Amino acid sequence: MKVALLGLLQSGKSTILSAISGKAVPPPGSTAIEEAIVPVPDERLDWLREYYKPKKTTHVALTCRALTLPMSTAGPVPDA
C-alpha cells in the first residue's frame, strides 16, 4: 500500500513519517523527499497462516513518502 503525506513546509509530515517508521527526524526546513517502508504486523494473519498452512504468506507493508508542497501551488482550503 502506498501512502503520501502532503503538506506545506513545517506542517509535520516528516514528524509523522518518523513516528511511523522509527527513522530520525530530518532537520527543520528540509525539502528532501523522505521515504520509508513500514511493515504492518497483524496477529490475525499469523493465526490464519498457522491454521491453513499456505505455501506463501505476504504481510502488508506501507510505502510512505513525505512531500512538501511549494507555497505557490497551495490554494485556499475549500469549505467542508
PDB file of N, CA and C in Angstrom:
ATOM      1  N   MET A   1       0.850  -1.154   0.000  1.00  0.00           N
ATOM      2  CA  MET A   1       0.000   0.000   0.000  1.00  0.00           C
ATOM      3  C   MET A   1       0.904   1.227   0.000  1.00  0.00           C
ATOM      4  N   LYS A   2       0.554   2.196  -0.811  1.00  0.00           N
ATOM      5  CA  LYS A   2       1.359   3.416  -0.890  1.00  0.00           C
ATOM      6  C   LYS A   2       0.597   4.568  -0.250  1.00  0.00           C
ATOM      7  N   VAL A   3       1.309   5.334   0.568  1.00  0.00           N
ATOM      8  CA  VAL A   3       0.728   6.464   1.285  1.00  0.00           C
ATOM      9  C   VAL A   3       1.605   7.685   1.045  1.00  0.00           C
ATOM     10  N   ALA A   4       0.988   8.811   0.743  1.00  0.00           N
ATOM     11  CA  ALA A   4       1.739  10.060   0.585  1.00  0.00           C
ATOM     12  C   ALA A   4       1.254  11.052   1.636  1.00  0.00           C
ATOM     13  N   LEU A   5       2.200  11.653   2.316  1.00  0.00           N
ATOM     14  CA  LEU A   5       1.894  12.705   3.280  1.00  0.00           C
ATOM     15  C   LEU A   5       2.207  14.027   2.587  1.00  0.00           C
ATOM     16  N   LEU A   6       1.182  14.792   2.276  1.00  0.00           N
ATOM     17  CA  LEU A   6       1.344  16.052   1.562  1.00  0.00           C
ATOM     18  C   LEU A   6       1.053  17.211   2.490  1.00  0.00           C
ATOM     19  N   GLY A   7       1.785  18.288   2.321  1.00  0.00           N
ATOM     20  CA  GLY A   7       1.514  19.467   3.133  1.00  0.00           C
ATOM     21  C   GLY A   7       2.554  20.540   2.906  1.00  0.00           C
ATOM     22  N   LEU A   8       2.289  21.672   3.476  1.00  0.00           N
ATOM     23  CA  LEU A   8       3.191  22.806   3.363  1.00  0.00           C
ATOM     24  C   LEU A   8       4.423  22.595   4.240  1.00  0.00           C
ATOM     25  N   LEU A   9       5.415  23.406   4.009  1.00  0.00           N
ATOM     26  CA  LEU A   9       6.636  23.387   4.797  1.00  0.00           C
ATOM     27  C   LEU A   9       6.304  23.582   6.271  1.00  0.00           C
ATOM     28  N   GLN A  10       6.943  22.805   7.141  1.00  0.00           N
ATOM     29  CA  GLN A  10       6.765  22.900   8.597  1.00  0.00           C
ATOM     30  C   GLN A  10       5.360  22.480   9.074  1.00  0.00           C
ATOM     31  N   SER A  11       4.681  21.588   8.325  1.00  0.00           N
ATOM     32  CA  SER A  11       3.345  21.163   8.749  1.00  0.00           C
ATOM     33  C   SER A  11       3.340  19.830   9.497  1.00  0.00           C
ATOM     34  N   GLY A  12       4.508  19.175   9.647  1.00  0.00           N
ATOM     35  CA  GLY A  12       4.587  17.960  10.457  1.00  0.00           C
ATOM     36  C   GLY A  12       4.631  16.662   9.688  1.00  0.00           C
ATOM     37  N   LYS A  13       4.808  16.707   8.371  1.00  0.00           N
ATOM     38  CA  LYS A  13       4.851  15.490   7.556  1.00  0.00           C
ATOM     39  C   LYS A  13       6.004  14.578   7.957  1.00  0.00           C
ATOM     40  N   SER A  14       7.185  15.127   8.066  1.00  0.00           N
ATOM     41  CA  SER A  14       8.360  14.316   8.409  1.00  0.00           C
ATOM     42  C   SER A  14       8.277  13.793   9.834  1.00  0.00           C
ATOM     43  N   THR A  15       7.651  14.544  10.724  1.00  0.00           N
ATOM     44  CA  THR A  15       7.484  14.093  12.104  1.00  0.00           C
ATOM     45  C   THR A  15       6.576  12.869  12.156  1.00  0.00           C
ATOM     46  N   ILE A  16       5.482  12.900  11.400  1.00  0.00           N
ATOM     47  CA  ILE A  16       4.577  11.745  11.345  1.00  0.00           C
ATOM     48  C   ILE A  16       5.290  10.557  10.713  1.00  0.00           C
ATOM     49  N   LEU A  17       6.028  10.803   9.626  1.00  0.00           N
ATOM     50  CA  LEU A  17       6.749   9.731   8.958  1.00  0.00           C
ATOM     51  C   LEU A  17       7.786   9.089   9.889  1.00  0.00           C
ATOM     52  N   SER A  18       8.496   9.904  10.647  1.00  0.00           N
ATOM     53  CA  SER A  18       9.495   9.327  11.555  1.00  0.00           C
ATOM     54  C   SER A  18       8.836   8.622  12.735  1.00  0.00           C
ATOM     55  N   ALA A  19       7.655   9.059  13.153  1.00  0.00           N
ATOM     56  CA  ALA A  19       6.931   8.355  14.216  1.00  0.00           C
ATOM     57  C   ALA A  19       6.468   6.978  13.737  1.00  0.00           C
ATOM     58  N   ILE A  20       6.045   6.886  12.490  1.00  0.00           N
ATOM     59  CA  ILE A  20       5.587   5.616  11.927  1.00  0.00           C
ATOM     60  C   ILE A  20       6.755   4.672  11.682  1.00  0.00           C
ATOM     61  N   SER A  21       7.858   5.212  11.131  1.00  0.00           N
ATOM     62  CA  SER A  21       8.957   4.361  10.681  1.00  0.00           C
ATOM     63  C   SER A  21      10.067   4.154  11.705  1.00  0.00           C
ATOM     64  N   GLY A  22      10.169   5.058  12.683  1.00  0.00           N
ATOM     65  CA  GLY A  22      11.252   4.959  13.644  1.00  0.00           C
ATOM     66  C   GLY A  22      12.537   5.615  13.170  1.00  0.00           C
ATOM     67  N   LYS A  23      12.495   6.263  12.009  1.00  0.00           N
ATOM     68  CA  LYS A  23      13.671   6.976  11.499  1.00  0.00           C
ATOM     69  C   LYS A  23      13.854   8.286  12.243  1.00  0.00           C
ATOM     70  N   ALA A  24      15.053   8.844  12.138  1.00  0.00           N
ATOM     71  CA  ALA A  24      15.327  10.137  12.766  1.00  0.00           C
ATOM     72  C   ALA A  24      14.589  11.251  12.022  1.00  0.00           C
ATOM     73  N   VAL A  25      14.202  12.274  12.761  1.00  0.00           N
ATOM     74  CA  VAL A  25      13.521  13.432  12.164  1.00  0.00           C
ATOM     75  C   VAL A  25      14.564  14.259  11.421  1.00  0.00           C
ATOM     76  N   PRO A  26      14.296  14.617  10.143  1.00  0.00           N
ATOM     77  CA  PRO A  26      15.255  15.438   9.408  1.00  0.00           C
ATOM     78  C   PRO A  26      15.307  16.854   9.982  1.00  0.00           C
ATOM     79  N   PRO A  27      16.344  17.619   9.634  1.00  0.00           N
ATOM     80  CA  PRO A  27      16.446  18.975  10.164  1.00  0.00           C
ATOM     81  C   PRO A  27      15.258  19.835   9.735  1.00  0.00           C
ATOM     82  N   PRO A  28      14.845  20.800  10.570  1.00  0.00           N
ATOM     83  CA  PRO A  28      13.711  21.662  10.225  1.00  0.00           C
ATOM     84  C   PRO A  28      13.960  22.404   8.915  1.00  0.00           C
ATOM     85  N   GLY A  29      12.920  22.509   8.112  1.00  0.00           N
ATOM     86  CA  GLY A  29      13.015  23.228   6.848  1.00  0.00           C
ATOM     87  C   GLY A  29      13.562  22.405   5.705  1.00  0.00           C
ATOM     88  N   SER A  30      13.855  21.127   5.933  1.00  0.00           N
ATOM     89  CA  SER A  30      14.386  20.268   4.885  1.00  0.00           C
ATOM     90  C   SER A  30      13.324  20.057   3.806  1.00  0.00           C
ATOM     91  N   THR A  31      13.718  20.148   2.549  1.00  0.00           N
ATOM     92  CA  THR A  31      12.771  19.953   1.448  1.00  0.00           C
ATOM     93  C   THR A  31      13.005  18.628   0.729  1.00  0.00           C
ATOM     94  N   ALA A  32      13.817  17.755   1.299  1.00  0.00           N
ATOM     95  CA  ALA A  32      14.073  16.451   0.691  1.00  0.00           C
ATOM     96  C   ALA A  32      12.820  15.582   0.785  1.00  0.00           C
ATOM     97  N   ILE A  33      12.648  14.710  -0.193  1.00  0.00           N
ATOM     98  CA  ILE A  33      11.531  13.767  -0.173  1.00  0.00           C
ATOM     99  C   ILE A  33      11.933  12.598   0.718  1.00  0.00           C
ATOM    100  N   GLU A  34      11.236  12.445   1.814  1.00  0.00           N
ATOM    101  CA  GLU A  34      11.514  11.356   2.756  1.00  0.00           C
ATOM    102  C   GLU A  34      10.685  10.144   2.349  1.00  0.00           C
ATOM    103  N   GLU A  35      11.263   8.954   2.472  1.00  0.00           N
ATOM    104  CA  GLU A  35      10.542   7.737   2.128  1.00  0.00           C
ATOM    105  C   GLU A  35      10.872   6.641   3.129  1.00  0.00           C
ATOM    106  N   ALA A  36       9.869   5.825   3.456  1.00  0.00           N
ATOM    107  CA  ALA A  36      10.076   4.708   4.375  1.00  0.00           C
ATOM    108  C   ALA A  36       9.119   3.579   4.007  1.00  0.00           C
ATOM    109  N   ILE A  37       9.582   2.351   4.174  1.00  0.00           N
ATOM    110  CA  ILE A  37       8.726   1.179   4.011  1.00  0.00           C
ATOM    111  C   ILE A  37       8.533   0.598   5.397  1.00  0.00           C
ATOM    112  N   VAL A  38       7.270   0.537   5.825  1.00  0.00           N
ATOM    113  CA  VAL A  38       6.941   0.165   7.195  1.00  0.00           C
ATOM    114  C   VAL A  38       6.113  -1.113   7.188  1.00  0.00           C
ATOM    115  N   PRO A  39       6.591  -2.186   7.838  1.00  0.00           N
ATOM    116  CA  PRO A  39       5.780  -3.402   7.928  1.00  0.00           C
ATOM    117  C   PRO A  39       4.596  -3.197   8.870  1.00  0.00           C
ATOM    118  N   VAL A  40       3.485  -3.867   8.555  1.00  0.00           N
ATOM    119  CA  VAL A  40       2.280  -3.769   9.382  1.00  0.00           C
ATOM    120  C   VAL A  40       1.986  -5.155   9.949  1.00  0.00           C
ATOM    121  N   PRO A  41       2.392  -5.409  11.197  1.00  0.00           N
ATOM    122  CA  PRO A  41       2.130  -6.726  11.782  1.00  0.00           C
ATOM    123  C   PRO A  41       0.632  -6.920  12.061  1.00  0.00           C
ATOM    124  N   ASP A  42       0.173  -8.145  11.882  1.00  0.00           N
ATOM    125  CA  ASP A  42      -1.242  -8.444  12.125  1.00  0.00           C
ATOM    126  C   ASP A  42      -1.349  -9.843  12.717  1.00  0.00           C
ATOM    127  N   GLU A  43      -1.779  -9.929  13.963  1.00  0.00           N
ATOM    128  CA  GLU A  43      -1.901 -11.222  14.642  1.00  0.00           C
ATOM    129  C   GLU A  43      -2.918 -12.123  13.959  1.00  0.00           C
ATOM    130  N   ARG A  44      -3.940 -11.536  13.335  1.00  0.00           N
ATOM    131  CA  ARG A  44      -4.950 -12.346  12.644  1.00  0.00           C
ATOM    132  C   ARG A  44      -4.339 -13.108  11.482  1.00  0.00           C
ATOM    133  N   LEU A  45      -3.423 -12.460  10.755  1.00  0.00           N
ATOM    134  CA  LEU A  45      -2.762 -13.126   9.634  1.00  0.00           C
ATOM    135  C   LEU A  45      -1.892 -14.270  10.136  1.00  0.00           C
ATOM    136  N   ASP A  46      -1.221 -14.057  11.263  1.00  0.00           N
ATOM    137  CA  ASP A  46      -0.400 -15.127  11.840  1.00  0.00           C
ATOM    138  C   ASP A  46      -1.259 -16.335  12.213  1.00  0.00           C
ATOM    139  N   TRP A  47      -2.435 -16.088  12.780  1.00  0.00           N
ATOM    140  CA  TRP A  47      -3.336 -17.175  13.154  1.00  0.00           C
ATOM    141  C   TRP A  47      -3.809 -17.922  11.911  1.00  0.00           C
ATOM    142  N   LEU A  48      -4.193 -17.170  10.863  1.00  0.00           N
ATOM    143  CA  LEU A  48      -4.653 -17.799   9.620  1.00  0.00           C
ATOM    144  C   LEU A  48      -3.545 -18.626   8.973  1.00  0.00           C
ATOM    145  N   ARG A  49      -2.312 -18.116   9.034  1.00  0.00           N
ATOM    146  CA  ARG A  49      -1.187 -18.849   8.460  1.00  0.00           C
ATOM    147  C   ARG A  49      -0.992 -20.174   9.192  1.00  0.00           C
ATOM    148  N   GLU A  50      -1.072 -20.152  10.507  1.00  0.00           N
ATOM    149  CA  GLU A  50      -0.919 -21.388  11.278  1.00  0.00           C
ATOM    150  C   GLU A  50      -2.069 -22.369  11.013  1.00  0.00           C
ATOM    151  N   TYR A  51      -3.264 -21.858  10.824  1.00  0.00           N
ATOM    152  CA  TYR A  51      -4.437 -22.700  10.627  1.00  0.00           C
ATOM    153  C   TYR A  51      -4.450 -23.345   9.240  1.00  0.00           C
ATOM    154  N   TYR A  52      -4.202 -22.541   8.167  1.00  0.00           N
ATOM    155  CA  TYR A  52      -4.310 -23.040   6.793  1.00  0.00           C
ATOM    156  C   TYR A  52      -2.990 -23.539   6.211  1.00  0.00           C
ATOM    157  N   LYS A  53      -1.870 -23.137   6.789  1.00  0.00           N
ATOM    158  CA  LYS A  53      -0.542 -23.539   6.350  1.00  0.00           C
ATOM    159  C   LYS A  53      -0.323 -23.330   4.839  1.00  0.00           C
ATOM    160  N   PRO A  54      -0.428 -22.087   4.376  1.00  0.00           N
ATOM    161  CA  PRO A  54      -0.205 -21.827   2.944  1.00  0.00           C
ATOM    162  C   PRO A  54       1.283 -21.941   2.587  1.00  0.00           C
ATOM    163  N   LYS A  55       1.558 -22.052   1.290  1.00  0.00           N
ATOM    164  CA  LYS A  55       2.947 -22.120   0.837  1.00  0.00           C
ATOM    165  C   LYS A  55       3.640 -20.770   1.007  1.00  0.00           C
ATOM    166  N   LYS A  56       2.890 -19.692   0.884  1.00  0.00           N
ATOM    167  CA  LYS A  56       3.477 -18.357   0.955  1.00  0.00           C
ATOM    168  C   LYS A  56       2.558 -17.435   1.745  1.00  0.00           C
ATOM    169  N   THR A  57       3.154 -16.559   2.538  1.00  0.00           N
ATOM    170  CA  THR A  57       2.404 -15.548   3.288  1.00  0.00           C
ATOM    171  C   THR A  57       3.015 -14.187   2.993  1.00  0.00           C
ATOM    172  N   THR A  58       2.181 -13.238   2.611  1.00  0.00           N
ATOM    173  CA  THR A  58       2.663 -11.887   2.315  1.00  0.00           C
ATOM    174  C   THR A  58       2.067 -10.928   3.327  1.00  0.00           C
ATOM    175  N   HIS A  59       2.931 -10.318   4.115  1.00  0.00           N
ATOM    176  CA  HIS A  59       2.481  -9.340   5.095  1.00  0.00           C
ATOM    177  C   HIS A  59       2.320  -7.981   4.426  1.00  0.00           C
ATOM    178  N   VAL A  60       1.476  -7.155   4.978  1.00  0.00           N
ATOM    179  CA  VAL A  60       1.245  -5.818   4.449  1.00  0.00           C
ATOM    180  C   VAL A  60       2.421  -4.919   4.817  1.00  0.00           C
ATOM    181  N   ALA A  61       2.791  -4.046   3.894  1.00  0.00           N
ATOM    182  CA  ALA A  61       3.819  -3.042   4.159  1.00  0.00           C
ATOM    183  C   ALA A  61       3.353  -1.726   3.553  1.00  0.00           C
ATOM    184  N   LEU A  62       3.539  -0.659   4.281  1.00  0.00           N
ATOM    185  CA  LEU A  62       3.204   0.669   3.787  1.00  0.00           C
ATOM    186  C   LEU A  62       4.448   1.321   3.212  1.00  0.00           C
ATOM    187  N   THR A  63       4.336   1.863   2.022  1.00  0.00           N
ATOM    188  CA  THR A  63       5.394   2.685   1.443  1.00  0.00           C
ATOM    189  C   THR A  63       4.937   4.122   1.634  1.00  0.00           C
ATOM    190  N   CYS A  64       5.624   4.846   2.498  1.00  0.00           N
ATOM    191  CA  CYS A  64       5.219   6.209   2.859  1.00  0.00           C
ATOM    192  C   CYS A  64       6.210   7.217   2.296  1.00  0.00           C
ATOM    193  N   ARG A  65       5.685   8.320   1.779  1.00  0.00           N
ATOM    194  CA  ARG A  65       6.513   9.433   1.317  1.00  0.00           C
ATOM    195  C   ARG A  65       5.981  10.726   1.904  1.00  0.00           C
ATOM    196  N   ALA A  66       6.887  11.583   2.280  1.00  0.00           N
ATOM    197  CA  ALA A  66       6.526  12.917   2.774  1.00  0.00           C
ATOM    198  C   ALA A  66       6.980  13.923   1.730  1.00  0.00           C
ATOM    199  N   LEU A  67       6.026  14.633   1.137  1.00  0.00           N
ATOM    200  CA  LEU A  67       6.310  15.596   0.077  1.00  0.00           C
ATOM    201  C   LEU A  67       5.904  16.993   0.527  1.00  0.00           C
ATOM    202  N   THR A  68       6.766  17.953   0.288  1.00  0.00           N
ATOM    203  CA  THR A  68       6.464  19.339   0.640  1.00  0.00           C
ATOM    204  C   THR A  68       5.899  20.046  -0.578  1.00  0.00           C
ATOM    205  N   LEU A  69       4.756  20.699  -0.392  1.00  0.00           N
ATOM    206  CA  LEU A  69       4.143  21.465  -1.471  1.00  0.00           C
ATOM    207  C   LEU A  69       4.722  22.869  -1.498  1.00  0.00           C
ATOM    208  N   PRO A  70       5.073  23.380  -2.673  1.00  0.00           N
ATOM    209  CA  PRO A  70       5.521  24.759  -2.738  1.00  0.00           C
ATOM    210  C   PRO A  70       4.368  25.700  -2.408  1.00  0.00           C
ATOM    211  N   MET A  71       4.677  26.818  -1.809  1.00  0.00           N
ATOM    212  CA  MET A  71       3.634  27.769  -1.406  1.00  0.00           C
ATOM    213  C   MET A  71       2.804  28.251  -2.594  1.00  0.00           C
ATOM    214  N   SER A  72       3.392  28.338  -3.788  1.00  0.00           N
ATOM    215  CA  SER A  72       2.677  28.872  -4.943  1.00  0.00           C
ATOM    216  C   SER A  72       1.563  27.945  -5.424  1.00  0.00           C
ATOM    217  N   THR A  73       1.657  26.613  -5.163  1.00  0.00           N
ATOM    218  CA  THR A  73       0.628  25.689  -5.619  1.00  0.00           C
ATOM    219  C   THR A  73      -0.427  25.423  -4.573  1.00  0.00           C
ATOM    220  N   ALA A  74      -0.191  25.879  -3.370  1.00  0.00           N
ATOM    221  CA  ALA A  74      -1.154  25.616  -2.297  1.00  0.00           C
ATOM    222  C   ALA A  74      -2.237  26.697  -2.332  1.00  0.00           C
ATOM    223  N   GLY A  75      -3.400  26.288  -2.720  1.00  0.00           N
ATOM    224  CA  GLY A  75      -4.525  27.232  -2.776  1.00  0.00           C
ATOM    225  C   GLY A  75      -5.290  27.226  -1.473  1.00  0.00           C
ATOM    226  N   PRO A  76      -6.375  27.974  -1.426  1.00  0.00           N
ATOM    227  CA  PRO A  76      -7.192  28.001  -0.213  1.00  0.00           C
ATOM    228  C   PRO A  76      -7.856  26.653   0.012  1.00  0.00           C
ATOM    229  N   VAL A  77      -8.094  26.325   1.247  1.00  0.00           N
ATOM    230  CA  VAL A  77      -8.775  25.091   1.611  1.00  0.00           C
ATOM    231  C   VAL A  77     -10.269  25.290   1.397  1.00  0.00           C
ATOM    232  N   PRO A  78     -10.921  24.421   0.607  1.00  0.00           N
ATOM    233  CA  PRO A  78     -12.354  24.586   0.367  1.00  0.00           C
ATOM    234  C   PRO A  78     -13.151  24.336   1.640  1.00  0.00           C
ATOM    235  N   ASP A  79     -14.318  24.990   1.727  1.00  0.00           N
ATOM    236  CA  ASP A  79     -15.204  24.787   2.876  1.00  0.00           C
ATOM    237  C   ASP A  79     -15.756  23.381   2.842  1.00  0.00           C
ATOM    238  N   ALA A  80     -15.888  22.783   4.018  1.00  0.00           N
ATOM    239  CA  ALA A  80     -16.396  21.403   4.106  1.00  0.00           C
ATOM    240  C   ALA A  80     -17.894  21.393   4.110  1.00  0.00           C
TER     241      ALA A  80
END
